[in-house]
Amino acid sequence: MSDYPSNTVPETKMTARNVSVFYGAKQALKSVSIDVSREHVTAFIGPSGCGKSTFLRCFNRMNDTVESARVEGEIKLDGTDVYSPEMDVVQLRARVGMVFQKPNPFPKSIYENIAYGPRIHGLARSKADMDGIVEGSLRRAGLWDEVKDRLAESGTAMSGGQQQRLCIARAIAVDPEVILMDEPCSALDPIATAKIEELIDELRGRYAIVIVTHNMQQAARVSQKTAFFHLGTMVEYGDTSTIFTNPAESRTKDYITGRYG
């Protein structure tokens, strides 16, 4: 069941049109087009090396950090081309936050991990403002009650699952519009994974969320839209329930039923 009245159309937050990615002479992604809405969690699934993380990294220009990478096609955020020369990449990455596969807190205190982004972007006018941003971000990441008495301790001293929620809180702190998650649970145990999935569900609707996962059950649990990638192409994209129960493409069906991948 959809979560909005049937007469409304989900608001498109980001669009990709004919996006191809090359690493040197090798083509890693072939002409992918997709709309990402604010209301849904969108999952990218597919076997390792199929292009799903490469595509995800196009949305906030993380591929710019790879020297041999070349991106063709068009990606827009609220109708603005993110690859245009006028686009401020630092600003883009504040609006389109990213959570990586391996938790990567800064070697700073829990408080400073959250305060870092808002400080750079001038989002807090006073210490009280910053305290509010830190507390609000940790609360939204479901961490506040666990860490409120040890904000001065290092973020790297936390458990893996807490570190990953800290990284989500850090992404939230600069008030992004989109959150990209690249296999955010692959380094976590089942209990920590369940907490992250719960968190994704709570954040849905407040941010457009795109998650890359190799775990099909996870995609089925957390997403409303799913795109299946194989060998650099997007084979199929649609409602998660349809992709998992009645896929249109035989390759999707083979992957979901475990015939390959």
Protein backbone atom coordinates (compact mmCIF):
# COMPACT_ATOMS: atom_id res chain seq x y z
CA MET A 1 0.00 0.00 0.00
CA SER A 2 1.27 3.49 -0.78
CA ASP A 3 1.59 6.01 2.04
CA TYR A 4 0.11 8.96 0.18
CA PRO A 5 -3.33 9.59 -1.34
CA SER A 6 -3.84 8.05 -4.74
CA ASN A 7 -4.43 11.43 -6.38
CA THR A 8 -0.93 12.71 -5.55
CA VAL A 9 2.24 11.88 -7.42
CA PRO A 10 5.41 11.28 -5.44
CA GLU A 11 7.71 14.28 -5.66
CA THR A 12 10.78 13.54 -7.78
CA LYS A 13 13.92 14.68 -6.01
CA MET A 14 16.67 13.49 -8.33
CA THR A 15 16.60 12.33 -11.93
CA ALA A 16 19.21 10.46 -13.94
CA ARG A 17 19.05 10.29 -17.72
CA ASN A 18 21.27 8.07 -19.87
CA VAL A 19 24.06 7.98 -17.29
CA SER A 20 27.15 6.03 -18.34
CA VAL A 21 30.37 5.72 -16.36
CA PHE A 22 33.80 4.81 -17.69
CA TYR A 23 36.94 3.97 -15.73
CA GLY A 24 39.57 4.65 -18.35
CA ALA A 25 38.54 2.58 -21.38
CA LYS A 26 36.32 0.25 -19.34
CA GLN A 27 32.59 1.01 -19.28
CA ALA A 28 31.18 0.28 -15.81
CA LEU A 29 27.66 1.62 -16.32
CA LYS A 30 25.58 1.75 -19.50
CA SER A 31 22.96 4.43 -20.09
CA VAL A 32 20.93 4.28 -16.85
CA SER A 33 17.83 6.43 -16.34
CA ILE A 34 15.85 6.63 -13.10
CA ASP A 35 13.75 9.00 -10.97
CA VAL A 36 14.30 9.11 -7.21
CA SER A 37 11.38 10.38 -5.16
CA ARG A 38 11.41 11.93 -1.72
CA GLU A 39 8.69 9.64 -0.38
CA HIS A 40 10.36 6.33 -1.12
CA VAL A 41 13.41 4.40 -0.11
CA THR A 42 14.94 3.23 -3.39
CA ALA A 43 17.13 0.10 -3.32
CA PHE A 44 19.76 -0.84 -5.90
CA ILE A 45 20.35 -4.60 -5.97
CA GLY A 46 22.44 -6.91 -8.11
CA PRO A 47 25.55 -9.09 -8.02
CA SER A 48 28.95 -7.68 -7.05
CA GLY A 49 30.52 -5.55 -9.74
CA CYS A 50 27.23 -4.87 -11.53
CA GLY A 51 27.51 -1.06 -11.34
CA LYS A 52 25.10 -0.28 -8.51
CA SER A 53 27.66 1.48 -6.25
CA THR A 54 29.20 3.23 -9.26
CA PHE A 55 25.76 4.61 -10.12
CA LEU A 56 25.05 5.64 -6.52
CA ARG A 57 28.30 7.60 -6.42
CA CYS A 58 27.21 9.64 -9.46
CA PHE A 59 24.46 11.33 -7.44
CA ASN A 60 26.89 13.34 -5.29
CA ARG A 61 29.84 13.25 -7.69
CA MET A 62 31.91 10.91 -5.56
CA ASN A 63 33.26 9.48 -8.82
CA ASP A 64 35.08 12.82 -9.24
CA THR A 65 37.56 11.49 -6.66
CA VAL A 66 38.56 8.64 -9.02
CA GLU A 67 41.05 9.99 -11.53
CA SER A 68 40.19 7.66 -14.40
CA ALA A 69 36.40 8.04 -13.99
CA ARG A 70 34.29 9.78 -16.63
CA VAL A 71 30.54 10.29 -16.26
CA GLU A 72 28.26 10.89 -19.25
CA GLY A 73 24.56 11.71 -19.23
CA GLU A 74 22.59 13.96 -16.95
CA ILE A 75 21.81 13.93 -13.24
CA LYS A 76 19.59 16.61 -11.74
CA LEU A 77 18.74 17.58 -8.17
CA ASP A 78 15.49 19.56 -8.06
CA GLY A 79 15.94 20.22 -11.77
CA THR A 80 19.52 21.53 -11.49
CA ASP A 81 22.29 19.67 -13.31
CA VAL A 82 24.69 18.43 -10.61
CA TYR A 83 27.51 18.11 -13.18
CA SER A 84 27.22 21.71 -14.42
CA PRO A 85 30.39 23.83 -13.96
CA GLU A 86 28.40 26.19 -11.68
CA MET A 87 27.59 23.41 -9.21
CA ASP A 88 29.47 23.79 -5.91
CA VAL A 89 30.49 20.20 -5.15
CA VAL A 90 30.94 20.88 -1.40
CA GLN A 91 27.41 22.26 -1.30
CA LEU A 92 26.12 19.33 -3.37
CA ARG A 93 27.60 16.83 -0.90
CA ALA A 94 25.91 18.66 1.97
CA ARG A 95 22.56 18.35 0.17
CA VAL A 96 23.25 14.76 -0.94
CA GLY A 97 24.82 13.04 2.05
CA MET A 98 26.55 9.67 1.95
CA VAL A 99 26.94 6.77 4.35
CA PHE A 100 29.61 4.25 3.38
CA GLN A 101 29.91 0.50 3.67
CA LYS A 102 32.43 0.66 6.50
CA PRO A 103 31.60 3.02 9.36
CA ASN A 104 34.08 5.90 9.12
CA PRO A 105 33.70 8.25 12.09
CA PHE A 106 36.30 10.99 12.37
CA PRO A 107 38.96 10.41 15.07
CA LYS A 108 37.25 13.09 17.15
CA SER A 109 34.70 13.14 19.95
CA ILE A 110 31.13 12.02 19.32
CA TYR A 111 30.06 15.68 19.66
CA GLU A 112 32.71 16.91 17.18
CA ASN A 113 31.77 14.21 14.64
CA ILE A 114 28.29 15.74 14.42
CA ALA A 115 29.35 19.39 14.81
CA TYR A 116 31.97 19.24 12.06
CA GLY A 117 29.63 19.67 9.05
CA PRO A 118 27.33 22.32 10.56
CA ARG A 119 30.44 24.29 11.58
CA ILE A 120 31.89 24.20 8.03
CA HIS A 121 28.57 25.25 6.53
CA GLY A 122 27.88 27.93 9.15
CA LEU A 123 24.61 26.36 10.30
CA ALA A 124 24.95 27.23 14.00
CA ARG A 125 25.12 30.79 15.30
CA SER A 126 25.96 29.88 18.88
CA LYS A 127 27.08 27.03 21.15
CA ALA A 128 23.42 26.52 22.12
CA ASP A 129 22.50 26.24 18.43
CA MET A 130 25.21 23.67 17.88
CA ASP A 131 24.18 21.72 20.98
CA GLY A 132 20.66 21.59 19.55
CA ILE A 133 21.86 20.34 16.14
CA VAL A 134 24.03 17.67 17.78
CA GLU A 135 21.24 16.44 20.03
CA GLY A 136 18.63 16.55 17.26
CA SER A 137 20.85 14.61 14.84
CA LEU A 138 21.71 11.96 17.43
CA ARG A 139 18.04 11.63 18.39
CA ARG A 140 17.01 11.12 14.75
CA ALA A 141 19.72 8.49 14.41
CA GLY A 142 18.39 6.71 17.51
CA LEU A 143 21.65 7.26 19.38
CA TRP A 144 21.03 10.06 21.86
CA ASP A 145 20.05 7.92 24.85
CA GLU A 146 23.07 5.68 24.31
CA VAL A 147 25.67 8.46 24.07
CA LYS A 148 24.30 11.60 25.78
CA ASP A 149 26.57 11.08 28.82
CA ARG A 150 29.72 10.48 26.78
CA LEU A 151 29.68 13.07 24.01
CA ALA A 152 33.33 13.92 24.73
CA GLU A 153 34.47 10.33 24.08
CA SER A 154 35.94 9.37 20.73
CA GLY A 155 33.54 8.27 18.00
CA THR A 156 35.98 5.51 17.08
CA ALA A 157 35.56 3.87 20.52
CA MET A 158 31.91 2.98 19.83
CA SER A 159 30.65 -0.39 18.57
CA GLY A 160 30.40 -0.89 14.79
CA GLY A 161 26.63 -0.47 14.76
CA GLN A 162 26.84 2.70 16.87
CA GLN A 163 29.58 4.04 14.60
CA GLN A 164 27.36 3.53 11.57
CA ARG A 165 24.46 5.33 13.26
CA LEU A 166 26.91 8.10 14.20
CA CYS A 167 27.82 8.40 10.50
CA ILE A 168 24.11 8.63 9.64
CA ALA A 169 23.68 11.30 12.36
CA ARG A 170 26.69 13.14 10.90
CA ALA A 171 25.08 13.08 7.43
CA ILE A 172 21.76 14.33 8.88
CA ALA A 173 23.42 17.19 10.81
CA VAL A 174 23.87 19.38 7.72
CA ASP A 175 20.18 18.96 6.88
CA PRO A 176 20.56 17.09 3.59
CA GLU A 177 17.77 16.45 1.12
CA VAL A 178 19.03 13.06 -0.07
CA ILE A 179 20.91 10.33 1.80
CA LEU A 180 22.88 7.76 -0.18
CA MET A 181 23.78 4.54 1.63
CA ASP A 182 26.34 2.19 0.11
CA GLU A 183 25.80 -1.23 1.70
CA PRO A 184 25.52 0.40 5.14
CA CYS A 185 24.99 -2.88 7.02
CA SER A 186 27.47 -5.21 5.32
CA ALA A 187 30.02 -4.82 8.15
CA LEU A 188 27.42 -5.13 10.94
CA ASP A 189 25.93 -7.98 12.93
CA PRO A 190 22.19 -8.83 12.65
CA ILE A 191 21.15 -6.79 15.72
CA ALA A 192 22.99 -3.65 14.55
CA THR A 193 21.60 -4.25 11.05
CA ALA A 194 18.03 -4.37 12.40
CA LYS A 195 18.61 -1.02 14.14
CA ILE A 196 19.87 0.59 10.92
CA GLU A 197 16.88 -0.80 8.99
CA GLU A 198 14.52 0.59 11.64
CA LEU A 199 16.28 3.93 11.34
CA ILE A 200 15.96 3.96 7.54
CA ASP A 201 12.23 3.38 7.97
CA GLU A 202 11.97 6.30 10.43
CA LEU A 203 13.89 8.65 8.12
CA ARG A 204 11.78 7.80 5.08
CA GLY A 205 9.77 10.75 3.81
CA ARG A 206 12.01 13.28 5.54
CA TYR A 207 14.82 12.57 3.08
CA ALA A 208 15.01 10.87 -0.29
CA ILE A 209 16.97 7.70 0.54
CA VAL A 210 18.84 5.48 -1.90
CA ILE A 211 20.43 2.29 -0.57
CA VAL A 212 22.77 -0.11 -2.34
CA THR A 213 22.51 -3.57 -0.80
CA HIS A 214 23.63 -7.05 -1.76
CA ASN A 215 21.08 -8.39 0.74
CA MET A 216 17.81 -8.97 -1.10
CA GLN A 217 15.84 -9.53 2.09
CA GLN A 218 17.03 -6.13 3.28
CA ALA A 219 15.91 -4.48 0.04
CA ALA A 220 12.52 -6.16 0.43
CA ARG A 221 12.24 -4.94 4.04
CA VAL A 222 13.33 -1.31 3.73
CA SER A 223 12.54 -0.12 0.20
CA GLN A 224 9.43 0.77 -1.76
CA LYS A 225 11.22 0.97 -5.14
CA THR A 226 13.92 -1.40 -6.37
CA ALA A 227 16.29 -1.27 -9.33
CA PHE A 228 18.07 -4.46 -10.39
CA PHE A 229 21.49 -4.06 -12.00
CA HIS A 230 23.44 -6.65 -13.96
CA LEU A 231 26.70 -6.24 -15.91
CA GLY A 232 26.53 -2.44 -15.87
CA THR A 233 22.94 -2.11 -17.05
CA MET A 234 19.77 -1.46 -15.10
CA VAL A 235 17.68 -4.47 -16.06
CA GLU A 236 14.46 -3.55 -14.27
CA TYR A 237 13.08 -0.84 -11.98
CA GLY A 238 9.73 -0.71 -10.22
CA ASP A 239 7.78 -1.23 -7.02
CA THR A 240 9.75 -3.45 -4.67
CA SER A 241 6.82 -5.81 -4.18
CA THR A 242 6.49 -6.31 -7.95
CA ILE A 243 10.23 -6.79 -8.53
CA PHE A 244 10.32 -9.50 -5.86
CA THR A 245 7.09 -11.31 -6.63
CA ASN A 246 6.45 -10.75 -10.32
CA PRO A 247 9.53 -9.42 -12.14
CA ALA A 248 9.15 -8.64 -15.83
CA GLU A 249 12.64 -9.76 -16.80
CA SER A 250 13.95 -13.32 -16.62
CA ARG A 251 17.37 -12.07 -15.44
CA THR A 252 15.71 -10.39 -12.46
CA LYS A 253 13.80 -13.55 -11.67
CA ASP A 254 16.96 -15.68 -11.92
CA TYR A 255 18.81 -13.38 -9.54
CA ILE A 256 16.00 -13.20 -7.01
CA THR A 257 15.46 -16.95 -7.02
CA GLY A 258 19.20 -17.46 -6.46
CA ARG A 259 20.13 -18.92 -9.86
CA TYR A 260 23.12 -16.63 -10.06
CA GLY A 261 24.80 -13.73 -8.28
